[in-house]
Amino acid sequence: MDSDIKIIRATEVHVPSVVKLLAQDPLGSKRESYSSPIPVQYLEAFQNIVNDENQHLMVLMDGDVVIGTFQLSFMQYLTYQGGTRAQIEAVRVLDSRRGDGLGRKMFEWAIEKSKSQGAHVLQLTTDKQRPEALKFYEQLGFKASHEGMKLHF
């Protein structure tokens, strides 16, 4: 990874770029609302995220440009003898930078962070409409061990 590329915690100044990445995704374009100024609900959500020590909204920076993002969450359970699970979601890389190994670098960072926080598993969900993402996650060592379900409101 280029020495100018860094993974850092997102700050409020990064929120518009993160939302733009989420909205440029084919599925995200149906559910996100990117505009300038950024809709207030994103800034409110950002404040909730940064105020929760179990949430890590990260950005991949090339100089001062956001080229990727993901959110890493830690959840305490009673299962696994009170174990902690890490969950990675909203993984995005700027279209023009796909294939540069940046997704792998973000996952390497998330795996190490999860281990250092004492998590016993790193899990994710991926939409069935994203077969290329599923293949990528399998190449990283993830296994499709469970069937996920959602109930939207």
C-alpha atoms as a PDB file:
ATOM      1  CA  MET A   1       0.000   0.000   0.000  1.00  0.00           C
ATOM      2  CA  ASP A   2       1.313   3.417  -0.968  1.00  0.00           C
ATOM      3  CA  SER A   3       2.870   5.292   1.978  1.00  0.00           C
ATOM      4  CA  ASP A   4       0.428   8.188   1.452  1.00  0.00           C
ATOM      5  CA  ILE A   5      -2.523   5.828   2.011  1.00  0.00           C
ATOM      6  CA  LYS A   6      -3.718   5.651   5.603  1.00  0.00           C
ATOM      7  CA  ILE A   7      -6.647   4.098   7.464  1.00  0.00           C
ATOM      8  CA  ILE A   8      -7.970   6.536  10.046  1.00  0.00           C
ATOM      9  CA  ARG A   9     -11.096   7.117  12.106  1.00  0.00           C
ATOM     10  CA  ALA A  10     -13.582   9.218  10.203  1.00  0.00           C
ATOM     11  CA  THR A  11     -14.221  12.749  11.404  1.00  0.00           C
ATOM     12  CA  GLU A  12     -17.236  14.891  10.627  1.00  0.00           C
ATOM     13  CA  VAL A  13     -15.423  16.408   7.651  1.00  0.00           C
ATOM     14  CA  HIS A  14     -15.293  12.919   6.063  1.00  0.00           C
ATOM     15  CA  VAL A  15     -19.042  12.243   6.337  1.00  0.00           C
ATOM     16  CA  PRO A  16     -19.998  13.705   2.927  1.00  0.00           C
ATOM     17  CA  SER A  17     -17.333  11.608   1.186  1.00  0.00           C
ATOM     18  CA  VAL A  18     -18.442   8.455   3.024  1.00  0.00           C
ATOM     19  CA  VAL A  19     -22.087   9.047   2.116  1.00  0.00           C
ATOM     20  CA  LYS A  20     -21.083   9.678  -1.492  1.00  0.00           C
ATOM     21  CA  LEU A  21     -19.263   6.311  -1.571  1.00  0.00           C
ATOM     22  CA  LEU A  22     -22.318   4.592  -0.075  1.00  0.00           C
ATOM     23  CA  ALA A  23     -24.652   6.280  -2.568  1.00  0.00           C
ATOM     24  CA  GLN A  24     -22.495   5.452  -5.608  1.00  0.00           C
ATOM     25  CA  ASP A  25     -22.854   1.748  -4.916  1.00  0.00           C
ATOM     26  CA  PRO A  26     -25.599   0.189  -7.118  1.00  0.00           C
ATOM     27  CA  LEU A  27     -27.620  -0.997  -4.112  1.00  0.00           C
ATOM     28  CA  GLY A  28     -26.777   2.053  -2.023  1.00  0.00           C
ATOM     29  CA  SER A  29     -28.078   4.351  -4.743  1.00  0.00           C
ATOM     30  CA  LYS A  30     -31.556   3.022  -3.930  1.00  0.00           C
ATOM     31  CA  ARG A  31     -31.367   3.790  -0.213  1.00  0.00           C
ATOM     32  CA  GLU A  32     -28.903   6.639   0.342  1.00  0.00           C
ATOM     33  CA  SER A  33     -29.404  10.352  -0.175  1.00  0.00           C
ATOM     34  CA  TYR A  34     -26.244  12.176  -1.143  1.00  0.00           C
ATOM     35  CA  SER A  35     -26.521  15.921  -1.648  1.00  0.00           C
ATOM     36  CA  SER A  36     -24.740  19.091  -0.670  1.00  0.00           C
ATOM     37  CA  PRO A  37     -25.169  20.008   2.055  1.00  0.00           C
ATOM     38  CA  ILE A  38     -25.309  16.486   3.428  1.00  0.00           C
ATOM     39  CA  PRO A  39     -28.714  15.558   4.934  1.00  0.00           C
ATOM     40  CA  VAL A  40     -28.720  16.148   8.685  1.00  0.00           C
ATOM     41  CA  GLN A  41     -29.629  12.538   9.548  1.00  0.00           C
ATOM     42  CA  TYR A  42     -26.160  11.427   8.434  1.00  0.00           C
ATOM     43  CA  LEU A  43     -24.479  13.933  10.737  1.00  0.00           C
ATOM     44  CA  GLU A  44     -26.717  12.847  13.621  1.00  0.00           C
ATOM     45  CA  ALA A  45     -25.857   9.193  12.958  1.00  0.00           C
ATOM     46  CA  PHE A  46     -22.175  10.087  12.792  1.00  0.00           C
ATOM     47  CA  GLN A  47     -22.367  11.703  16.242  1.00  0.00           C
ATOM     48  CA  ASN A  48     -23.986   8.557  17.656  1.00  0.00           C
ATOM     49  CA  ILE A  49     -21.262   6.422  16.101  1.00  0.00           C
ATOM     50  CA  VAL A  50     -18.342   8.476  17.418  1.00  0.00           C
ATOM     51  CA  ASN A  51     -19.904   8.615  20.887  1.00  0.00           C
ATOM     52  CA  ASP A  52     -20.045   4.803  21.064  1.00  0.00           C
ATOM     53  CA  GLU A  53     -16.682   3.250  21.949  1.00  0.00           C
ATOM     54  CA  ASN A  54     -17.763   0.001  20.278  1.00  0.00           C
ATOM     55  CA  GLN A  55     -18.132   1.638  16.859  1.00  0.00           C
ATOM     56  CA  HIS A  56     -15.266   2.443  14.513  1.00  0.00           C
ATOM     57  CA  LEU A  57     -16.169   4.307  11.326  1.00  0.00           C
ATOM     58  CA  MET A  58     -12.994   4.219   9.295  1.00  0.00           C
ATOM     59  CA  VAL A  59     -11.846   5.889   6.104  1.00  0.00           C
ATOM     60  CA  LEU A  60      -9.054   4.952   3.758  1.00  0.00           C
ATOM     61  CA  MET A  61      -7.265   8.136   2.749  1.00  0.00           C
ATOM     62  CA  ASP A  62      -4.979   8.819  -0.198  1.00  0.00           C
ATOM     63  CA  GLY A  63      -3.548  12.133   0.888  1.00  0.00           C
ATOM     64  CA  ASP A  64      -6.660  14.156   1.697  1.00  0.00           C
ATOM     65  CA  VAL A  65      -9.051  12.123  -0.506  1.00  0.00           C
ATOM     66  CA  VAL A  66     -11.368   9.453   0.921  1.00  0.00           C
ATOM     67  CA  ILE A  67     -10.959   6.375  -1.294  1.00  0.00           C
ATOM     68  CA  GLY A  68     -12.583   3.777   0.947  1.00  0.00           C
ATOM     69  CA  THR A  69     -14.633   3.255   4.068  1.00  0.00           C
ATOM     70  CA  PHE A  70     -15.971   0.611   6.438  1.00  0.00           C
ATOM     71  CA  GLN A  71     -17.577   0.388   9.844  1.00  0.00           C
ATOM     72  CA  LEU A  72     -16.285  -2.041  12.453  1.00  0.00           C
ATOM     73  CA  SER A  73     -18.585  -2.749  15.412  1.00  0.00           C
ATOM     74  CA  PHE A  74     -17.922  -4.721  18.581  1.00  0.00           C
ATOM     75  CA  MET A  75     -20.797  -6.536  20.275  1.00  0.00           C
ATOM     76  CA  GLN A  76     -20.666  -8.269  23.650  1.00  0.00           C
ATOM     77  CA  TYR A  77     -22.635 -11.513  23.937  1.00  0.00           C
ATOM     78  CA  LEU A  78     -23.352 -14.075  26.614  1.00  0.00           C
ATOM     79  CA  THR A  79     -22.663 -16.814  24.067  1.00  0.00           C
ATOM     80  CA  TYR A  80     -19.103 -18.038  23.669  1.00  0.00           C
ATOM     81  CA  GLN A  81     -18.711 -17.551  27.403  1.00  0.00           C
ATOM     82  CA  GLY A  82     -19.323 -13.827  27.220  1.00  0.00           C
ATOM     83  CA  GLY A  83     -17.351 -13.400  24.023  1.00  0.00           C
ATOM     84  CA  THR A  84     -17.116 -10.347  21.815  1.00  0.00           C
ATOM     85  CA  ARG A  85     -17.964 -10.410  18.136  1.00  0.00           C
ATOM     86  CA  ALA A  86     -16.719  -7.928  15.609  1.00  0.00           C
ATOM     87  CA  GLN A  87     -18.861  -7.053  12.628  1.00  0.00           C
ATOM     88  CA  ILE A  88     -17.671  -5.240   9.524  1.00  0.00           C
ATOM     89  CA  GLU A  89     -20.211  -3.495   7.321  1.00  0.00           C
ATOM     90  CA  ALA A  90     -20.544  -0.741   4.715  1.00  0.00           C
ATOM     91  CA  VAL A  91     -17.263  -1.674   3.033  1.00  0.00           C
ATOM     92  CA  ARG A  92     -16.719   0.495  -0.012  1.00  0.00           C
ATOM     93  CA  VAL A  93     -13.799   1.414  -2.256  1.00  0.00           C
ATOM     94  CA  LEU A  94     -13.911   4.214  -4.802  1.00  0.00           C
ATOM     95  CA  ASP A  95     -14.767   2.643  -8.171  1.00  0.00           C
ATOM     96  CA  SER A  96     -11.657   4.048  -9.843  1.00  0.00           C
ATOM     97  CA  ARG A  97      -9.446   2.413  -7.172  1.00  0.00           C
ATOM     98  CA  ARG A  98     -10.949  -1.090  -7.219  1.00  0.00           C
ATOM     99  CA  GLY A  99      -8.436  -3.796  -7.992  1.00  0.00           C
ATOM    100  CA  ASP A 100      -5.619  -1.884  -6.249  1.00  0.00           C
ATOM    101  CA  GLY A 101      -5.650  -4.189  -3.189  1.00  0.00           C
ATOM    102  CA  LEU A 102      -7.288  -1.555  -0.997  1.00  0.00           C
ATOM    103  CA  GLY A 103     -10.189  -3.753   0.117  1.00  0.00           C
ATOM    104  CA  ARG A 104      -7.731  -6.390   1.270  1.00  0.00           C
ATOM    105  CA  LYS A 105      -5.762  -3.753   3.215  1.00  0.00           C
ATOM    106  CA  MET A 106      -8.932  -2.558   4.948  1.00  0.00           C
ATOM    107  CA  PHE A 107      -9.809  -6.131   5.921  1.00  0.00           C
ATOM    108  CA  GLU A 108      -6.281  -6.806   7.173  1.00  0.00           C
ATOM    109  CA  TRP A 109      -6.614  -3.739   9.388  1.00  0.00           C
ATOM    110  CA  ALA A 110     -10.083  -4.828  10.606  1.00  0.00           C
ATOM    111  CA  ILE A 111      -8.897  -8.365  11.362  1.00  0.00           C
ATOM    112  CA  GLU A 112      -5.942  -7.105  13.411  1.00  0.00           C
ATOM    113  CA  LYS A 113      -8.126  -4.574  15.240  1.00  0.00           C
ATOM    114  CA  SER A 114     -10.693  -7.288  15.992  1.00  0.00           C
ATOM    115  CA  LYS A 115      -8.012  -9.576  17.411  1.00  0.00           C
ATOM    116  CA  SER A 116      -6.486  -6.787  19.489  1.00  0.00           C
ATOM    117  CA  GLN A 117      -9.925  -5.989  20.956  1.00  0.00           C
ATOM    118  CA  GLY A 118     -10.308  -9.623  22.003  1.00  0.00           C
ATOM    119  CA  ALA A 119     -13.033 -10.543  19.507  1.00  0.00           C
ATOM    120  CA  HIS A 120     -13.422 -14.258  18.861  1.00  0.00           C
ATOM    121  CA  VAL A 121     -14.951 -13.789  15.401  1.00  0.00           C
ATOM    122  CA  LEU A 122     -15.207 -11.174  12.660  1.00  0.00           C
ATOM    123  CA  GLN A 123     -18.477 -11.470  10.806  1.00  0.00           C
ATOM    124  CA  LEU A 124     -20.165  -9.681   7.958  1.00  0.00           C
ATOM    125  CA  THR A 125     -23.247  -9.744   5.829  1.00  0.00           C
ATOM    126  CA  THR A 126     -23.323  -9.253   2.106  1.00  0.00           C
ATOM    127  CA  ASP A 127     -26.262  -8.843  -0.200  1.00  0.00           C
ATOM    128  CA  LYS A 128     -26.952 -11.845  -2.434  1.00  0.00           C
ATOM    129  CA  GLN A 129     -26.982  -9.389  -5.354  1.00  0.00           C
ATOM    130  CA  ARG A 130     -23.219  -8.935  -4.863  1.00  0.00           C
ATOM    131  CA  PRO A 131     -21.643 -12.222  -5.992  1.00  0.00           C
ATOM    132  CA  GLU A 132     -18.285 -10.502  -6.609  1.00  0.00           C
ATOM    133  CA  ALA A 133     -18.224  -9.346  -2.979  1.00  0.00           C
ATOM    134  CA  LEU A 134     -19.005 -12.862  -1.762  1.00  0.00           C
ATOM    135  CA  LYS A 135     -16.107 -14.223  -3.816  1.00  0.00           C
ATOM    136  CA  PHE A 136     -13.783 -11.530  -2.415  1.00  0.00           C
ATOM    137  CA  TYR A 137     -14.769 -12.348   1.186  1.00  0.00           C
ATOM    138  CA  GLU A 138     -14.243 -16.069   0.566  1.00  0.00           C
ATOM    139  CA  GLN A 139     -10.748 -15.303  -0.771  1.00  0.00           C
ATOM    140  CA  LEU A 140     -10.056 -13.548   2.543  1.00  0.00           C
ATOM    141  CA  GLY A 141     -10.998 -16.714   4.441  1.00  0.00           C
ATOM    142  CA  PHE A 142     -14.611 -15.935   5.374  1.00  0.00           C
ATOM    143  CA  LYS A 143     -17.009 -18.892   5.289  1.00  0.00           C
ATOM    144  CA  ALA A 144     -20.724 -18.777   4.481  1.00  0.00           C
ATOM    145  CA  SER A 145     -21.562 -20.600   7.714  1.00  0.00           C
ATOM    146  CA  HIS A 146     -24.988 -19.110   8.468  1.00  0.00           C
ATOM    147  CA  GLU A 147     -28.097 -18.017   6.603  1.00  0.00           C
ATOM    148  CA  GLY A 148     -28.891 -14.387   7.407  1.00  0.00           C
ATOM    149  CA  MET A 149     -32.329 -12.837   7.435  1.00  0.00           C
ATOM    150  CA  LYS A 150     -33.648  -9.290   7.773  1.00  0.00           C
ATOM    151  CA  LEU A 151     -36.974  -7.736   8.618  1.00  0.00           C
ATOM    152  CA  HIS A 152     -37.166  -4.203   7.199  1.00  0.00           C
ATOM    153  CA  PHE A 153     -39.494  -1.642   8.781  1.00  0.00           C
END
